[in-house]
Amino acid sequence: MMQQHLNKHLLITFIVLVGAIVFFGLSQIDLVVQDILFDFDAKQWILNRDLQPYKFLFYDGIKKFLIFSVLLLILFSVVFYKTRLIQEYRKGILVVVLSSILVPVVIGGLKKYTNMPCPKNEIHYGGIYPKTNVWKKFPTTFHTNKKIKCWPAGHASGGFALLSLFFLFKSRKNKILAAVFASTVGVSMGTYKMLIGDHFLSHTVLTMIIAWFVILLIVAIVEKFIKKDKKGLDEQ
């Protein structure tokens, strides 16, 4: 029953992902939002990428905090593995740890192949890259030997990986709070990158959807293996 429920949500998330890609690709919403964040007279973004404390809070600091938190969770789980608390939450902990690793890896892997420019790289904002969609190639008149890696949003992927906390908690209230917290962290990280010209709105939104899809896949796999492991123990 649980597997069927997960399969249903995986399908829905995939449909939403495809729909979002098409919507952002065909609409002008990215440019509408990004134009507000760019001063065309001064030729600069609303926020300087080196300005503190914003850089520390939303870039360097949050990245280190997320990495430290995952390492601490792993250490805590290993040291106290046999305790009742860890045994009770081991499935959720495994989902969170795997998500924290695999979501950024998947997003980073996609960035290598999509060859999509950042706002700061586009001609519209003073760059050299023409506007394009993820399913299109650059015009034949545009030549570059360098692949650009701006889609999806790699930085925000670490924040959206925290959506996996939804599967750590037991009560509905805590699940909702975890989802709200993770969304806030991811959106904050993504918004910062928009303010400095590194990403469009679509990059952040699509990263959130992809992250959720990857997390659901991880939950489905973990659920399958734990169920198999439990069945094996029962047969002994």
C-alpha atoms as a PDB file:
ATOM      1  CA  MET A   1       0.000   0.000   0.000  1.00  0.00           C
ATOM      2  CA  MET A   2       2.832   2.351   0.936  1.00  0.00           C
ATOM      3  CA  GLN A   3       4.634   1.534  -2.330  1.00  0.00           C
ATOM      4  CA  GLN A   4       1.519   2.311  -4.382  1.00  0.00           C
ATOM      5  CA  HIS A   5       1.134   5.611  -2.541  1.00  0.00           C
ATOM      6  CA  LEU A   6       4.753   6.523  -3.312  1.00  0.00           C
ATOM      7  CA  ASN A   7       4.402   5.513  -6.958  1.00  0.00           C
ATOM      8  CA  LYS A   8       1.360   7.770  -7.269  1.00  0.00           C
ATOM      9  CA  HIS A   9       3.247  10.739  -5.797  1.00  0.00           C
ATOM     10  CA  LEU A  10       6.263  10.033  -8.008  1.00  0.00           C
ATOM     11  CA  LEU A  11       4.056  10.155 -11.091  1.00  0.00           C
ATOM     12  CA  ILE A  12       2.333  13.354  -9.962  1.00  0.00           C
ATOM     13  CA  THR A  13       5.676  15.005  -9.174  1.00  0.00           C
ATOM     14  CA  PHE A  14       7.086  14.000 -12.566  1.00  0.00           C
ATOM     15  CA  ILE A  15       4.052  15.463 -14.360  1.00  0.00           C
ATOM     16  CA  VAL A  16       4.378  18.687 -12.333  1.00  0.00           C
ATOM     17  CA  LEU A  17       8.096  18.826 -13.209  1.00  0.00           C
ATOM     18  CA  VAL A  18       7.462  18.478 -16.948  1.00  0.00           C
ATOM     19  CA  GLY A  19       4.632  21.005 -16.757  1.00  0.00           C
ATOM     20  CA  ALA A  20       6.838  23.498 -14.892  1.00  0.00           C
ATOM     21  CA  ILE A  21       9.668  23.123 -17.433  1.00  0.00           C
ATOM     22  CA  VAL A  22       7.256  23.815 -20.314  1.00  0.00           C
ATOM     23  CA  PHE A  23       5.543  26.688 -18.462  1.00  0.00           C
ATOM     24  CA  PHE A  24       8.763  28.519 -17.615  1.00  0.00           C
ATOM     25  CA  GLY A  25      10.221  27.772 -21.039  1.00  0.00           C
ATOM     26  CA  LEU A  26       7.269  29.244 -22.931  1.00  0.00           C
ATOM     27  CA  SER A  27       6.412  32.131 -20.582  1.00  0.00           C
ATOM     28  CA  GLN A  28       8.303  35.331 -19.859  1.00  0.00           C
ATOM     29  CA  ILE A  29       7.960  35.111 -16.078  1.00  0.00           C
ATOM     30  CA  ASP A  30      11.691  34.589 -15.549  1.00  0.00           C
ATOM     31  CA  LEU A  31      12.528  37.830 -17.356  1.00  0.00           C
ATOM     32  CA  VAL A  32       9.697  39.737 -15.663  1.00  0.00           C
ATOM     33  CA  VAL A  33      10.948  38.766 -12.197  1.00  0.00           C
ATOM     34  CA  GLN A  34      14.650  39.111 -12.987  1.00  0.00           C
ATOM     35  CA  ASP A  35      14.201  42.559 -14.587  1.00  0.00           C
ATOM     36  CA  ILE A  36      12.984  43.805 -11.201  1.00  0.00           C
ATOM     37  CA  LEU A  37      16.218  42.603  -9.611  1.00  0.00           C
ATOM     38  CA  PHE A  38      18.513  44.298 -12.141  1.00  0.00           C
ATOM     39  CA  ASP A  39      19.395  47.988 -12.375  1.00  0.00           C
ATOM     40  CA  PHE A  40      19.675  48.536 -16.131  1.00  0.00           C
ATOM     41  CA  ASP A  41      21.072  52.070 -15.681  1.00  0.00           C
ATOM     42  CA  ALA A  42      23.867  51.028 -13.317  1.00  0.00           C
ATOM     43  CA  LYS A  43      24.268  47.634 -15.075  1.00  0.00           C
ATOM     44  CA  GLN A  44      24.293  45.778 -11.772  1.00  0.00           C
ATOM     45  CA  TRP A  45      22.186  43.444  -9.674  1.00  0.00           C
ATOM     46  CA  ILE A  46      20.166  44.571  -6.687  1.00  0.00           C
ATOM     47  CA  LEU A  47      22.624  42.803  -4.359  1.00  0.00           C
ATOM     48  CA  ASN A  48      26.416  42.648  -4.625  1.00  0.00           C
ATOM     49  CA  ARG A  49      27.604  39.032  -4.436  1.00  0.00           C
ATOM     50  CA  ASP A  50      30.423  39.967  -2.050  1.00  0.00           C
ATOM     51  CA  LEU A  51      28.256  42.029   0.298  1.00  0.00           C
ATOM     52  CA  GLN A  52      28.204  40.780   3.908  1.00  0.00           C
ATOM     53  CA  PRO A  53      26.574  39.463   5.980  1.00  0.00           C
ATOM     54  CA  TYR A  54      24.365  38.212   3.109  1.00  0.00           C
ATOM     55  CA  LYS A  55      27.103  36.150   1.468  1.00  0.00           C
ATOM     56  CA  PHE A  56      27.883  34.378   4.732  1.00  0.00           C
ATOM     57  CA  LEU A  57      24.251  33.893   5.765  1.00  0.00           C
ATOM     58  CA  PHE A  58      22.890  32.673   2.439  1.00  0.00           C
ATOM     59  CA  TYR A  59      25.960  31.155   0.756  1.00  0.00           C
ATOM     60  CA  ASP A  60      29.121  30.192   2.654  1.00  0.00           C
ATOM     61  CA  GLY A  61      27.608  29.924   6.123  1.00  0.00           C
ATOM     62  CA  ILE A  62      24.486  27.959   5.204  1.00  0.00           C
ATOM     63  CA  LYS A  63      26.493  25.504   3.083  1.00  0.00           C
ATOM     64  CA  LYS A  64      28.862  24.770   5.962  1.00  0.00           C
ATOM     65  CA  PHE A  65      25.955  24.489   8.393  1.00  0.00           C
ATOM     66  CA  LEU A  66      24.135  21.955   6.203  1.00  0.00           C
ATOM     67  CA  ILE A  67      27.261  19.826   5.711  1.00  0.00           C
ATOM     68  CA  PHE A  68      28.069  19.969   9.440  1.00  0.00           C
ATOM     69  CA  SER A  69      24.484  19.008  10.344  1.00  0.00           C
ATOM     70  CA  VAL A  70      24.512  15.931   8.103  1.00  0.00           C
ATOM     71  CA  LEU A  71      27.910  14.808   9.389  1.00  0.00           C
ATOM     72  CA  LEU A  72      26.678  15.272  12.961  1.00  0.00           C
ATOM     73  CA  LEU A  73      23.552  13.236  12.208  1.00  0.00           C
ATOM     74  CA  ILE A  74      25.660  10.425  10.732  1.00  0.00           C
ATOM     75  CA  LEU A  75      28.022  10.441  13.715  1.00  0.00           C
ATOM     76  CA  PHE A  76      25.138  10.488  16.201  1.00  0.00           C
ATOM     77  CA  SER A  77      23.428   7.601  14.391  1.00  0.00           C
ATOM     78  CA  VAL A  78      26.581   5.462  14.348  1.00  0.00           C
ATOM     79  CA  VAL A  79      27.509   6.083  17.989  1.00  0.00           C
ATOM     80  CA  PHE A  80      23.981   5.529  19.304  1.00  0.00           C
ATOM     81  CA  TYR A  81      22.876   2.987  16.698  1.00  0.00           C
ATOM     82  CA  LYS A  82      21.576   0.453  19.217  1.00  0.00           C
ATOM     83  CA  THR A  83      19.492   2.913  21.189  1.00  0.00           C
ATOM     84  CA  ARG A  84      15.714   2.860  20.960  1.00  0.00           C
ATOM     85  CA  LEU A  85      15.571   6.393  19.535  1.00  0.00           C
ATOM     86  CA  ILE A  86      17.831   5.625  16.567  1.00  0.00           C
ATOM     87  CA  GLN A  87      16.113   2.312  15.881  1.00  0.00           C
ATOM     88  CA  GLU A  88      12.738   4.031  15.895  1.00  0.00           C
ATOM     89  CA  TYR A  89      13.851   6.748  13.475  1.00  0.00           C
ATOM     90  CA  ARG A  90      16.465   4.840  11.464  1.00  0.00           C
ATOM     91  CA  LYS A  91      14.425   4.813   8.249  1.00  0.00           C
ATOM     92  CA  GLY A  92      13.862   8.573   8.393  1.00  0.00           C
ATOM     93  CA  ILE A  93      17.505   9.222   9.271  1.00  0.00           C
ATOM     94  CA  LEU A  94      18.657   7.111   6.329  1.00  0.00           C
ATOM     95  CA  VAL A  95      16.334   9.032   3.993  1.00  0.00           C
ATOM     96  CA  VAL A  96      17.638  12.387   5.265  1.00  0.00           C
ATOM     97  CA  VAL A  97      21.311  11.376   4.946  1.00  0.00           C
ATOM     98  CA  LEU A  98      20.893   9.886   1.467  1.00  0.00           C
ATOM     99  CA  SER A  99      18.842  12.879   0.313  1.00  0.00           C
ATOM    100  CA  SER A 100      21.442  15.332   1.625  1.00  0.00           C
ATOM    101  CA  ILE A 101      24.033  13.581  -0.535  1.00  0.00           C
ATOM    102  CA  LEU A 102      22.088  12.520  -3.620  1.00  0.00           C
ATOM    103  CA  VAL A 103      19.906  15.589  -4.228  1.00  0.00           C
ATOM    104  CA  PRO A 104      22.925  17.917  -4.713  1.00  0.00           C
ATOM    105  CA  VAL A 105      24.702  15.185  -6.734  1.00  0.00           C
ATOM    106  CA  VAL A 106      21.735  14.771  -9.098  1.00  0.00           C
ATOM    107  CA  ILE A 107      21.266  18.527  -9.481  1.00  0.00           C
ATOM    108  CA  GLY A 108      25.012  18.962 -10.042  1.00  0.00           C
ATOM    109  CA  GLY A 109      24.961  16.209 -12.659  1.00  0.00           C
ATOM    110  CA  LEU A 110      22.081  17.867 -14.525  1.00  0.00           C
ATOM    111  CA  LYS A 111      23.920  21.198 -14.510  1.00  0.00           C
ATOM    112  CA  LYS A 112      26.779  19.597 -16.450  1.00  0.00           C
ATOM    113  CA  TYR A 113      24.560  18.590 -19.357  1.00  0.00           C
ATOM    114  CA  THR A 114      21.814  21.220 -19.650  1.00  0.00           C
ATOM    115  CA  ASN A 115      24.218  23.976 -20.812  1.00  0.00           C
ATOM    116  CA  MET A 116      21.910  26.776 -19.658  1.00  0.00           C
ATOM    117  CA  PRO A 117      23.215  30.276 -18.852  1.00  0.00           C
ATOM    118  CA  CYS A 118      22.697  32.261 -15.660  1.00  0.00           C
ATOM    119  CA  PRO A 119      20.878  35.604 -15.888  1.00  0.00           C
ATOM    120  CA  LYS A 120      24.210  37.429 -15.554  1.00  0.00           C
ATOM    121  CA  ASN A 121      25.488  35.548 -18.617  1.00  0.00           C
ATOM    122  CA  GLU A 122      22.601  36.491 -20.922  1.00  0.00           C
ATOM    123  CA  ILE A 123      22.804  39.328 -23.454  1.00  0.00           C
ATOM    124  CA  HIS A 124      19.721  40.933 -21.885  1.00  0.00           C
ATOM    125  CA  TYR A 125      21.752  41.601 -18.708  1.00  0.00           C
ATOM    126  CA  GLY A 126      25.070  42.454 -20.306  1.00  0.00           C
ATOM    127  CA  GLY A 127      26.378  38.933 -20.909  1.00  0.00           C
ATOM    128  CA  ILE A 128      27.179  37.132 -24.172  1.00  0.00           C
ATOM    129  CA  TYR A 129      24.691  34.223 -24.121  1.00  0.00           C
ATOM    130  CA  PRO A 130      21.387  34.377 -26.031  1.00  0.00           C
ATOM    131  CA  LYS A 131      18.116  33.444 -24.326  1.00  0.00           C
ATOM    132  CA  THR A 132      17.297  29.752 -24.729  1.00  0.00           C
ATOM    133  CA  ASN A 133      15.238  26.891 -23.292  1.00  0.00           C
ATOM    134  CA  VAL A 134      16.476  23.641 -21.778  1.00  0.00           C
ATOM    135  CA  TRP A 135      15.131  21.645 -24.752  1.00  0.00           C
ATOM    136  CA  LYS A 136      16.764  23.941 -27.340  1.00  0.00           C
ATOM    137  CA  LYS A 137      20.284  24.356 -28.632  1.00  0.00           C
ATOM    138  CA  PHE A 138      21.907  27.759 -28.959  1.00  0.00           C
ATOM    139  CA  PRO A 139      21.480  29.488 -32.341  1.00  0.00           C
ATOM    140  CA  THR A 140      24.056  28.462 -34.953  1.00  0.00           C
ATOM    141  CA  THR A 141      25.284  32.059 -34.982  1.00  0.00           C
ATOM    142  CA  PHE A 142      26.432  31.741 -31.370  1.00  0.00           C
ATOM    143  CA  HIS A 143      29.722  29.961 -30.788  1.00  0.00           C
ATOM    144  CA  THR A 144      31.446  29.018 -27.532  1.00  0.00           C
ATOM    145  CA  ASN A 145      33.737  26.165 -26.570  1.00  0.00           C
ATOM    146  CA  LYS A 146      32.750  26.355 -22.918  1.00  0.00           C
ATOM    147  CA  LYS A 147      29.740  24.583 -21.414  1.00  0.00           C
ATOM    148  CA  ILE A 148      27.878  26.716 -18.917  1.00  0.00           C
ATOM    149  CA  LYS A 149      26.340  25.182 -15.788  1.00  0.00           C
ATOM    150  CA  CYS A 150      23.457  27.246 -14.431  1.00  0.00           C
ATOM    151  CA  TRP A 151      20.374  25.017 -14.611  1.00  0.00           C
ATOM    152  CA  PRO A 152      19.043  23.819 -12.210  1.00  0.00           C
ATOM    153  CA  ALA A 153      20.100  25.730  -9.085  1.00  0.00           C
ATOM    154  CA  GLY A 154      22.906  23.816  -7.379  1.00  0.00           C
ATOM    155  CA  HIS A 155      23.210  26.013  -4.306  1.00  0.00           C
ATOM    156  CA  ALA A 156      19.520  25.790  -3.368  1.00  0.00           C
ATOM    157  CA  SER A 157      19.563  22.000  -3.805  1.00  0.00           C
ATOM    158  CA  GLY A 158      21.216  21.624  -0.394  1.00  0.00           C
ATOM    159  CA  GLY A 159      18.357  23.505   1.220  1.00  0.00           C
ATOM    160  CA  PHE A 160      15.634  21.650  -0.656  1.00  0.00           C
ATOM    161  CA  ALA A 161      17.264  18.323   0.281  1.00  0.00           C
ATOM    162  CA  LEU A 162      15.944  19.128   3.765  1.00  0.00           C
ATOM    163  CA  LEU A 163      12.453  18.353   2.464  1.00  0.00           C
ATOM    164  CA  SER A 164      13.471  14.808   3.374  1.00  0.00           C
ATOM    165  CA  LEU A 165      12.888  15.813   7.015  1.00  0.00           C
ATOM    166  CA  PHE A 166       9.197  15.318   6.194  1.00  0.00           C
ATOM    167  CA  PHE A 167       9.870  11.567   6.338  1.00  0.00           C
ATOM    168  CA  LEU A 168      11.850  11.733   9.573  1.00  0.00           C
ATOM    169  CA  PHE A 169       9.042  12.882  11.833  1.00  0.00           C
ATOM    170  CA  LYS A 170       5.986  10.882  12.853  1.00  0.00           C
ATOM    171  CA  SER A 171       3.230  13.397  13.601  1.00  0.00           C
ATOM    172  CA  ARG A 172       1.437  15.373  10.899  1.00  0.00           C
ATOM    173  CA  LYS A 173       2.220  18.657  12.678  1.00  0.00           C
ATOM    174  CA  ASN A 174       5.961  17.973  12.764  1.00  0.00           C
ATOM    175  CA  LYS A 175       5.933  16.822   9.141  1.00  0.00           C
ATOM    176  CA  ILE A 176       4.318  20.089   8.064  1.00  0.00           C
ATOM    177  CA  LEU A 177       6.735  22.150  10.173  1.00  0.00           C
ATOM    178  CA  ALA A 178       9.671  20.242   8.645  1.00  0.00           C
ATOM    179  CA  ALA A 179       8.387  20.882   5.114  1.00  0.00           C
ATOM    180  CA  VAL A 180       7.861  24.591   5.841  1.00  0.00           C
ATOM    181  CA  PHE A 181      11.340  24.878   7.381  1.00  0.00           C
ATOM    182  CA  ALA A 182      13.014  23.104   4.447  1.00  0.00           C
ATOM    183  CA  SER A 183      11.106  25.157   1.875  1.00  0.00           C
ATOM    184  CA  THR A 184      12.078  28.374   3.658  1.00  0.00           C
ATOM    185  CA  VAL A 185      15.760  27.426   3.689  1.00  0.00           C
ATOM    186  CA  GLY A 186      15.734  26.369   0.033  1.00  0.00           C
ATOM    187  CA  VAL A 187      13.793  29.412  -1.144  1.00  0.00           C
ATOM    188  CA  SER A 188      16.061  31.742   0.863  1.00  0.00           C
ATOM    189  CA  MET A 189      19.164  30.221  -0.721  1.00  0.00           C
ATOM    190  CA  GLY A 190      17.586  30.371  -4.172  1.00  0.00           C
ATOM    191  CA  THR A 191      16.378  33.952  -3.725  1.00  0.00           C
ATOM    192  CA  TYR A 192      19.870  35.086  -2.726  1.00  0.00           C
ATOM    193  CA  LYS A 193      21.255  33.630  -5.957  1.00  0.00           C
ATOM    194  CA  MET A 194      18.536  35.436  -7.915  1.00  0.00           C
ATOM    195  CA  LEU A 195      19.408  38.727  -6.229  1.00  0.00           C
ATOM    196  CA  ILE A 196      23.041  38.435  -7.372  1.00  0.00           C
ATOM    197  CA  GLY A 197      22.124  37.353 -10.899  1.00  0.00           C
ATOM    198  CA  ASP A 198      23.126  33.708 -10.658  1.00  0.00           C
ATOM    199  CA  HIS A 199      19.696  32.132 -11.194  1.00  0.00           C
ATOM    200  CA  PHE A 200      16.228  32.722 -12.579  1.00  0.00           C
ATOM    201  CA  LEU A 201      13.060  31.999 -10.612  1.00  0.00           C
ATOM    202  CA  SER A 202      12.513  28.849 -12.683  1.00  0.00           C
ATOM    203  CA  HIS A 203      15.904  27.474 -11.650  1.00  0.00           C
ATOM    204  CA  THR A 204      14.913  27.551  -7.986  1.00  0.00           C
ATOM    205  CA  VAL A 205      11.363  26.256  -8.495  1.00  0.00           C
ATOM    206  CA  LEU A 206      12.513  23.373 -10.704  1.00  0.00           C
ATOM    207  CA  THR A 207      15.273  22.490  -8.255  1.00  0.00           C
ATOM    208  CA  MET A 208      12.662  22.171  -5.505  1.00  0.00           C
ATOM    209  CA  ILE A 209      10.514  19.858  -7.656  1.00  0.00           C
ATOM    210  CA  ILE A 210      13.493  17.738  -8.735  1.00  0.00           C
ATOM    211  CA  ALA A 211      14.673  17.515  -5.124  1.00  0.00           C
ATOM    212  CA  TRP A 212      11.250  16.263  -4.020  1.00  0.00           C
ATOM    213  CA  PHE A 213      11.207  13.716  -6.859  1.00  0.00           C
ATOM    214  CA  VAL A 214      14.641  12.388  -5.868  1.00  0.00           C
ATOM    215  CA  ILE A 215      13.598  12.232  -2.205  1.00  0.00           C
ATOM    216  CA  LEU A 216      10.486  10.231  -3.102  1.00  0.00           C
ATOM    217  CA  LEU A 217      12.663   7.805  -5.078  1.00  0.00           C
ATOM    218  CA  ILE A 218      14.972   7.418  -2.086  1.00  0.00           C
ATOM    219  CA  VAL A 219      12.015   6.803   0.232  1.00  0.00           C
ATOM    220  CA  ALA A 220      10.644   4.163  -2.144  1.00  0.00           C
ATOM    221  CA  ILE A 221      14.013   2.366  -2.316  1.00  0.00           C
ATOM    222  CA  VAL A 222      14.645   2.564   1.443  1.00  0.00           C
ATOM    223  CA  GLU A 223      11.105   1.356   2.135  1.00  0.00           C
ATOM    224  CA  LYS A 224      11.630  -1.604  -0.185  1.00  0.00           C
ATOM    225  CA  PHE A 225      14.948  -2.638   1.351  1.00  0.00           C
ATOM    226  CA  ILE A 226      13.784  -2.246   4.958  1.00  0.00           C
ATOM    227  CA  LYS A 227      10.682  -4.279   4.177  1.00  0.00           C
ATOM    228  CA  LYS A 228      12.860  -6.955   2.551  1.00  0.00           C
ATOM    229  CA  ASP A 229      15.262  -6.923   5.511  1.00  0.00           C
ATOM    230  CA  LYS A 230      12.389  -7.226   8.001  1.00  0.00           C
ATOM    231  CA  LYS A 231      10.890 -10.108   6.031  1.00  0.00           C
ATOM    232  CA  GLY A 232      14.257 -11.888   6.089  1.00  0.00           C
ATOM    233  CA  LEU A 233      14.535 -11.502   9.858  1.00  0.00           C
ATOM    234  CA  ASP A 234      11.007 -12.795  10.393  1.00  0.00           C
ATOM    235  CA  GLU A 235      11.793 -15.920   8.376  1.00  0.00           C
ATOM    236  CA  GLN A 236      14.883 -16.739  10.476  1.00  0.00           C
END
